[in-house]
Each structure stands twice: as C-alpha cells, then as structure tokens.
Amino acid sequence: MKPISLLTAAVALLSPLLLASAWAAGEHDKQLASEPPASRMASNTTTMTDGEVRKVDKEAKKVTLKHGAIRNLDMPAMTMVFLVKDPALLGKIKAGDKVKFQAENISGGIAITAIEVTK
C-alpha cells in the first residue's frame, strides 16, 4: 500500500471518532449554557474574600478594594476597582470598612456580587 493510501485510510478511520468527540463537546457546552448560572458556580458561591474598602463610587457603580487572593478567580491579592452587580450593595459600605465579598467573572468582566461589612 502506498503511503498516501495509508494516510487516507487513517483519516477515514479516525474521522468518525473526531466528529463524535466534537459533537459531545458541543453538547456539553449547550448543557452548561442551559443551566442557571447559580448551578454552574455553586462551588464559588460560598467563597468569600477578605478586603478593605478604599473608595466607593456610587455614580459609576464601582468600589475600590484592597483584597486578599480571590480563589475562585485565581487572582492574587492586590488593590483594584470592581464593578458592582447590584448598585444597592454600595449603600452598605464606606471607605475604611473591613469586608468579605464575592466576586465573579460576569460577561468577561469581574463584578462584586455580594459584600458585607465584618467587625
């Protein structure tokens, strides 16, 4: 058998396997997309991170936090500005407050989804 014929035979034999694998991956993505976000992020919803409020900008719906490592986002400790998913959360905090918060990657951006003042 010629080398080109071996290649053709290998492609013919492997094509159904590759197509089945791609189809299964697509079905998995569809399943994830159809699940509510809370169920996809169930392991992250209990992850709270310690932080300190540096600045609250109610008009821009943002808060600046000096924070510890955010494990569910694989983010090291730093000071940064976050968007807030629910602007009402900003009424509960002020600069200097020690807080625990939940941050999630939402539509390609990182947003605070929960925040509470600690004592």
N, C-alpha and C. Protein backbone atom coordinates (compact mmCIF):
# COMPACT_ATOMS: atom_id res chain seq x y z
N MET A 1 0.85 -1.18 0.00
CA MET A 1 0.00 0.00 0.00
C MET A 1 0.89 1.24 0.00
N LYS A 2 0.51 2.23 -0.79
CA LYS A 2 1.29 3.45 -0.89
C LYS A 2 1.10 4.30 0.36
N PRO A 3 2.11 5.13 0.75
CA PRO A 3 1.99 5.97 1.94
C PRO A 3 0.76 6.88 1.90
N ILE A 4 0.41 7.40 0.74
CA ILE A 4 -0.75 8.28 0.66
C ILE A 4 -2.02 7.50 0.95
N SER A 5 -2.05 6.25 0.55
CA SER A 5 -3.22 5.41 0.80
C SER A 5 -3.35 5.11 2.29
N LEU A 6 -2.22 4.93 2.99
CA LEU A 6 -2.25 4.73 4.43
C LEU A 6 -2.81 5.96 5.13
N LEU A 7 -2.40 7.12 4.68
CA LEU A 7 -2.89 8.36 5.26
C LEU A 7 -4.39 8.50 5.03
N THR A 8 -4.82 8.21 3.84
CA THR A 8 -6.25 8.29 3.52
C THR A 8 -7.04 7.30 4.38
N ALA A 9 -6.53 6.10 4.54
CA ALA A 9 -7.21 5.10 5.35
C ALA A 9 -7.26 5.53 6.81
N ALA A 10 -6.17 6.10 7.34
CA ALA A 10 -6.15 6.56 8.73
C ALA A 10 -7.15 7.68 8.95
N VAL A 11 -7.22 8.62 8.03
CA VAL A 11 -8.17 9.72 8.14
C VAL A 11 -9.60 9.18 8.09
N ALA A 12 -9.85 8.22 7.21
CA ALA A 12 -11.19 7.64 7.09
C ALA A 12 -11.59 6.92 8.37
N LEU A 13 -10.64 6.26 9.02
CA LEU A 13 -10.95 5.54 10.25
C LEU A 13 -11.12 6.48 11.45
N LEU A 14 -10.33 7.54 11.51
CA LEU A 14 -10.36 8.44 12.67
C LEU A 14 -11.42 9.53 12.58
N SER A 15 -11.88 9.86 11.40
CA SER A 15 -12.85 10.94 11.23
C SER A 15 -14.11 10.76 12.08
N PRO A 16 -14.73 9.57 12.07
CA PRO A 16 -15.93 9.42 12.91
C PRO A 16 -15.65 9.63 14.39
N LEU A 17 -14.48 9.20 14.85
CA LEU A 17 -14.13 9.40 16.27
C LEU A 17 -13.96 10.87 16.59
N LEU A 18 -13.30 11.61 15.71
CA LEU A 18 -13.09 13.04 15.94
C LEU A 18 -14.41 13.80 15.88
N LEU A 19 -15.28 13.43 14.95
CA LEU A 19 -16.58 14.09 14.86
C LEU A 19 -17.43 13.81 16.09
N ALA A 20 -17.39 12.57 16.58
CA ALA A 20 -18.16 12.23 17.78
C ALA A 20 -17.66 13.00 18.98
N SER A 21 -16.35 13.15 19.08
CA SER A 21 -15.76 13.89 20.18
C SER A 21 -16.16 15.36 20.11
N ALA A 22 -16.11 15.95 18.93
CA ALA A 22 -16.50 17.36 18.77
C ALA A 22 -17.99 17.55 19.07
N TRP A 23 -18.81 16.60 18.64
CA TRP A 23 -20.25 16.68 18.91
C TRP A 23 -20.50 16.63 20.41
N ALA A 24 -19.81 15.70 21.11
CA ALA A 24 -20.01 15.57 22.55
C ALA A 24 -19.59 16.84 23.27
N ALA A 25 -18.51 17.45 22.83
CA ALA A 25 -18.06 18.71 23.46
C ALA A 25 -19.09 19.80 23.23
N GLY A 26 -19.67 19.85 22.04
CA GLY A 26 -20.69 20.84 21.75
C GLY A 26 -21.94 20.63 22.60
N GLU A 27 -22.33 19.37 22.80
CA GLU A 27 -23.48 19.07 23.64
C GLU A 27 -23.22 19.48 25.09
N HIS A 28 -21.98 19.28 25.55
CA HIS A 28 -21.62 19.68 26.92
C HIS A 28 -21.74 21.20 27.06
N ASP A 29 -21.27 21.94 26.05
CA ASP A 29 -21.37 23.40 26.09
C ASP A 29 -22.82 23.85 26.11
N LYS A 30 -23.68 23.18 25.32
CA LYS A 30 -25.11 23.52 25.32
C LYS A 30 -25.72 23.27 26.69
N GLN A 31 -25.32 22.17 27.31
CA GLN A 31 -25.86 21.84 28.64
C GLN A 31 -25.45 22.91 29.64
N LEU A 32 -24.19 23.33 29.60
CA LEU A 32 -23.72 24.37 30.52
C LEU A 32 -24.48 25.67 30.28
N ALA A 33 -24.68 26.01 29.02
CA ALA A 33 -25.37 27.26 28.70
C ALA A 33 -26.82 27.24 29.17
N SER A 34 -27.43 26.06 29.19
CA SER A 34 -28.83 25.99 29.59
C SER A 34 -29.01 25.94 31.11
N GLU A 35 -27.94 25.67 31.85
CA GLU A 35 -28.04 25.64 33.30
C GLU A 35 -28.06 27.05 33.86
N PRO A 36 -28.80 27.28 34.92
CA PRO A 36 -28.76 28.60 35.55
C PRO A 36 -27.36 28.89 36.07
N PRO A 37 -26.91 30.15 36.03
CA PRO A 37 -25.57 30.49 36.50
C PRO A 37 -25.29 30.01 37.91
N ALA A 38 -26.26 30.05 38.79
CA ALA A 38 -26.03 29.64 40.17
C ALA A 38 -25.58 28.19 40.26
N SER A 39 -26.15 27.32 39.43
CA SER A 39 -25.77 25.92 39.50
C SER A 39 -24.39 25.71 38.90
N ARG A 40 -24.01 26.52 37.90
CA ARG A 40 -22.68 26.38 37.33
C ARG A 40 -21.62 26.87 38.30
N MET A 41 -21.97 27.81 39.17
CA MET A 41 -20.98 28.42 40.04
C MET A 41 -21.21 28.03 41.50
N ALA A 42 -21.89 26.93 41.71
CA ALA A 42 -22.24 26.53 43.07
C ALA A 42 -21.01 26.44 43.97
N SER A 43 -19.90 25.95 43.43
CA SER A 43 -18.72 25.82 44.27
C SER A 43 -18.12 27.18 44.61
N ASN A 44 -18.42 28.21 43.78
CA ASN A 44 -17.85 29.53 44.02
C ASN A 44 -18.71 30.40 44.93
N THR A 45 -19.99 30.07 45.07
CA THR A 45 -20.88 30.97 45.77
C THR A 45 -20.56 31.09 47.25
N THR A 46 -19.87 30.13 47.82
CA THR A 46 -19.54 30.21 49.24
C THR A 46 -18.16 30.80 49.47
N THR A 47 -17.44 31.09 48.40
CA THR A 47 -16.11 31.63 48.52
C THR A 47 -16.17 33.13 48.78
N MET A 48 -15.84 33.52 49.98
CA MET A 48 -15.81 34.94 50.32
C MET A 48 -14.34 35.34 50.50
N THR A 49 -14.02 36.54 50.10
CA THR A 49 -12.66 37.05 50.18
C THR A 49 -12.63 38.24 51.13
N ASP A 50 -11.58 38.31 51.94
CA ASP A 50 -11.41 39.45 52.85
C ASP A 50 -10.90 40.65 52.06
N GLY A 51 -11.37 41.82 52.45
CA GLY A 51 -10.90 43.03 51.79
C GLY A 51 -11.12 44.25 52.65
N GLU A 52 -10.60 45.37 52.16
CA GLU A 52 -10.80 46.66 52.81
C GLU A 52 -11.23 47.66 51.75
N VAL A 53 -12.32 48.37 52.03
CA VAL A 53 -12.85 49.34 51.07
C VAL A 53 -11.93 50.56 51.07
N ARG A 54 -11.46 50.93 49.90
CA ARG A 54 -10.62 52.11 49.75
C ARG A 54 -11.43 53.29 49.22
N LYS A 55 -12.40 53.00 48.32
CA LYS A 55 -13.19 54.08 47.73
C LYS A 55 -14.51 53.49 47.22
N VAL A 56 -15.58 54.26 47.39
CA VAL A 56 -16.90 53.89 46.88
C VAL A 56 -17.32 54.96 45.88
N ASP A 57 -17.65 54.55 44.67
CA ASP A 57 -18.11 55.47 43.63
C ASP A 57 -19.51 55.03 43.20
N LYS A 58 -20.53 55.57 43.90
CA LYS A 58 -21.91 55.17 43.64
C LYS A 58 -22.35 55.55 42.23
N GLU A 59 -21.93 56.71 41.76
CA GLU A 59 -22.33 57.16 40.44
C GLU A 59 -21.85 56.22 39.34
N ALA A 60 -20.62 55.74 39.46
CA ALA A 60 -20.05 54.83 38.45
C ALA A 60 -20.33 53.37 38.76
N LYS A 61 -20.98 53.10 39.91
CA LYS A 61 -21.29 51.73 40.35
C LYS A 61 -20.03 50.89 40.51
N LYS A 62 -19.02 51.51 41.17
CA LYS A 62 -17.73 50.85 41.35
C LYS A 62 -17.26 50.99 42.79
N VAL A 63 -16.40 50.05 43.19
CA VAL A 63 -15.77 50.10 44.50
C VAL A 63 -14.31 49.70 44.34
N THR A 64 -13.44 50.40 45.06
CA THR A 64 -12.03 50.06 45.07
C THR A 64 -11.77 49.27 46.34
N LEU A 65 -11.21 48.07 46.18
CA LEU A 65 -10.93 47.20 47.32
C LEU A 65 -9.47 46.79 47.34
N LYS A 66 -8.89 46.81 48.54
CA LYS A 66 -7.61 46.14 48.77
C LYS A 66 -8.04 44.76 49.27
N HIS A 67 -7.66 43.72 48.55
CA HIS A 67 -8.20 42.40 48.86
C HIS A 67 -7.14 41.31 48.91
N GLY A 68 -7.52 40.23 49.56
CA GLY A 68 -6.70 39.03 49.57
C GLY A 68 -6.90 38.27 48.26
N ALA A 69 -6.28 37.11 48.15
CA ALA A 69 -6.41 36.29 46.94
C ALA A 69 -7.87 35.90 46.74
N ILE A 70 -8.33 36.05 45.51
CA ILE A 70 -9.69 35.64 45.16
C ILE A 70 -9.55 34.27 44.50
N ARG A 71 -9.79 33.24 45.29
CA ARG A 71 -9.52 31.87 44.85
C ARG A 71 -10.35 31.43 43.65
N ASN A 72 -11.65 31.76 43.63
CA ASN A 72 -12.48 31.29 42.53
C ASN A 72 -12.13 31.96 41.20
N LEU A 73 -11.38 33.05 41.23
CA LEU A 73 -10.94 33.72 40.01
C LEU A 73 -9.44 33.53 39.77
N ASP A 74 -8.78 32.80 40.68
CA ASP A 74 -7.34 32.58 40.60
C ASP A 74 -6.60 33.91 40.49
N MET A 75 -6.99 34.85 41.36
CA MET A 75 -6.42 36.20 41.33
C MET A 75 -5.63 36.44 42.62
N PRO A 76 -4.41 36.95 42.52
CA PRO A 76 -3.62 37.22 43.71
C PRO A 76 -4.13 38.46 44.46
N ALA A 77 -3.66 38.64 45.66
CA ALA A 77 -4.00 39.81 46.46
C ALA A 77 -3.51 41.07 45.76
N MET A 78 -4.33 42.13 45.83
CA MET A 78 -3.98 43.41 45.20
C MET A 78 -5.03 44.45 45.57
N THR A 79 -4.86 45.64 45.09
CA THR A 79 -5.88 46.68 45.20
C THR A 79 -6.39 46.97 43.80
N MET A 80 -7.72 46.92 43.64
CA MET A 80 -8.27 47.16 42.30
C MET A 80 -9.70 47.68 42.39
N VAL A 81 -10.17 48.20 41.27
CA VAL A 81 -11.53 48.72 41.15
C VAL A 81 -12.41 47.61 40.59
N PHE A 82 -13.57 47.42 41.21
CA PHE A 82 -14.53 46.41 40.76
C PHE A 82 -15.84 47.09 40.38
N LEU A 83 -16.50 46.57 39.39
CA LEU A 83 -17.89 46.92 39.13
C LEU A 83 -18.73 46.20 40.18
N VAL A 84 -19.92 46.71 40.46
CA VAL A 84 -20.81 46.08 41.42
C VAL A 84 -22.06 45.66 40.67
N LYS A 85 -22.41 44.38 40.77
CA LYS A 85 -23.57 43.86 40.04
C LYS A 85 -24.86 44.57 40.46
N ASP A 86 -25.03 44.76 41.77
CA ASP A 86 -26.21 45.43 42.30
C ASP A 86 -25.77 46.72 42.99
N PRO A 87 -26.06 47.89 42.41
CA PRO A 87 -25.62 49.16 42.99
C PRO A 87 -26.08 49.37 44.43
N ALA A 88 -27.14 48.70 44.86
CA ALA A 88 -27.62 48.83 46.24
C ALA A 88 -26.56 48.35 47.24
N LEU A 89 -25.66 47.48 46.80
CA LEU A 89 -24.59 47.00 47.68
C LEU A 89 -23.69 48.14 48.15
N LEU A 90 -23.55 49.18 47.32
CA LEU A 90 -22.66 50.29 47.66
C LEU A 90 -23.19 51.12 48.82
N GLY A 91 -24.49 51.05 49.08
CA GLY A 91 -25.06 51.79 50.20
C GLY A 91 -24.74 51.16 51.55
N LYS A 92 -24.22 49.96 51.53
CA LYS A 92 -23.92 49.23 52.77
C LYS A 92 -22.47 49.40 53.23
N ILE A 93 -21.64 50.05 52.41
CA ILE A 93 -20.21 50.12 52.72
C ILE A 93 -19.70 51.55 52.59
N LYS A 94 -18.54 51.79 53.23
CA LYS A 94 -17.87 53.09 53.10
C LYS A 94 -16.36 52.86 53.17
N ALA A 95 -15.60 53.85 52.73
CA ALA A 95 -14.13 53.75 52.76
C ALA A 95 -13.67 53.43 54.18
N GLY A 96 -12.74 52.50 54.28
CA GLY A 96 -12.19 52.09 55.57
C GLY A 96 -12.83 50.84 56.14
N ASP A 97 -14.02 50.45 55.64
CA ASP A 97 -14.68 49.25 56.15
C ASP A 97 -13.89 47.99 55.80
N LYS A 98 -13.82 47.09 56.75
CA LYS A 98 -13.30 45.73 56.50
C LYS A 98 -14.50 44.93 56.00
N VAL A 99 -14.30 44.19 54.92
CA VAL A 99 -15.42 43.48 54.31
C VAL A 99 -15.04 42.05 53.92
N LYS A 100 -16.06 41.27 53.66
CA LYS A 100 -15.95 39.99 52.98
C LYS A 100 -16.81 40.15 51.74
N PHE A 101 -16.31 39.65 50.60
CA PHE A 101 -17.06 39.85 49.36
C PHE A 101 -16.92 38.65 48.45
N GLN A 102 -17.85 38.58 47.52
CA GLN A 102 -17.85 37.55 46.48
C GLN A 102 -17.69 38.26 45.15
N ALA A 103 -16.73 37.81 44.35
CA ALA A 103 -16.53 38.38 43.01
C ALA A 103 -16.64 37.25 42.00
N GLU A 104 -17.24 37.56 40.86
CA GLU A 104 -17.42 36.58 39.81
C GLU A 104 -17.10 37.19 38.46
N ASN A 105 -16.70 36.33 37.54
CA ASN A 105 -16.47 36.76 36.17
C ASN A 105 -17.83 36.74 35.47
N ILE A 106 -18.33 37.91 35.14
CA ILE A 106 -19.64 38.04 34.52
C ILE A 106 -19.47 38.73 33.17
N SER A 107 -19.79 38.02 32.12
CA SER A 107 -19.71 38.57 30.75
C SER A 107 -18.33 39.15 30.46
N GLY A 108 -17.30 38.46 30.89
CA GLY A 108 -15.94 38.88 30.59
C GLY A 108 -15.38 39.94 31.53
N GLY A 109 -16.16 40.40 32.49
CA GLY A 109 -15.68 41.37 33.47
C GLY A 109 -15.85 40.84 34.88
N ILE A 110 -15.08 41.35 35.80
CA ILE A 110 -15.17 40.90 37.17
C ILE A 110 -16.06 41.86 37.93
N ALA A 111 -17.05 41.31 38.62
CA ALA A 111 -18.01 42.14 39.36
C ALA A 111 -18.21 41.58 40.76
N ILE A 112 -18.47 42.49 41.69
CA ILE A 112 -18.82 42.11 43.06
C ILE A 112 -20.30 41.71 43.04
N THR A 113 -20.58 40.50 43.54
CA THR A 113 -21.96 40.02 43.57
C THR A 113 -22.52 40.00 44.99
N ALA A 114 -21.65 40.08 45.98
CA ALA A 114 -22.07 40.13 47.38
C ALA A 114 -20.97 40.80 48.19
N ILE A 115 -21.36 41.59 49.19
CA ILE A 115 -20.38 42.23 50.05
C ILE A 115 -21.03 42.49 51.40
N GLU A 116 -20.28 42.26 52.46
CA GLU A 116 -20.78 42.51 53.82
C GLU A 116 -19.66 43.04 54.69
N VAL A 117 -20.00 43.97 55.54
CA VAL A 117 -19.03 44.56 56.47
C VAL A 117 -18.75 43.54 57.58
N THR A 118 -17.48 43.38 57.92
CA THR A 118 -17.10 42.50 59.03
C THR A 118 -16.68 43.36 60.20
N LYS A 119 -16.65 42.78 61.38
CA LYS A 119 -16.28 43.54 62.57
C LYS A 119 -14.90 43.23 63.01
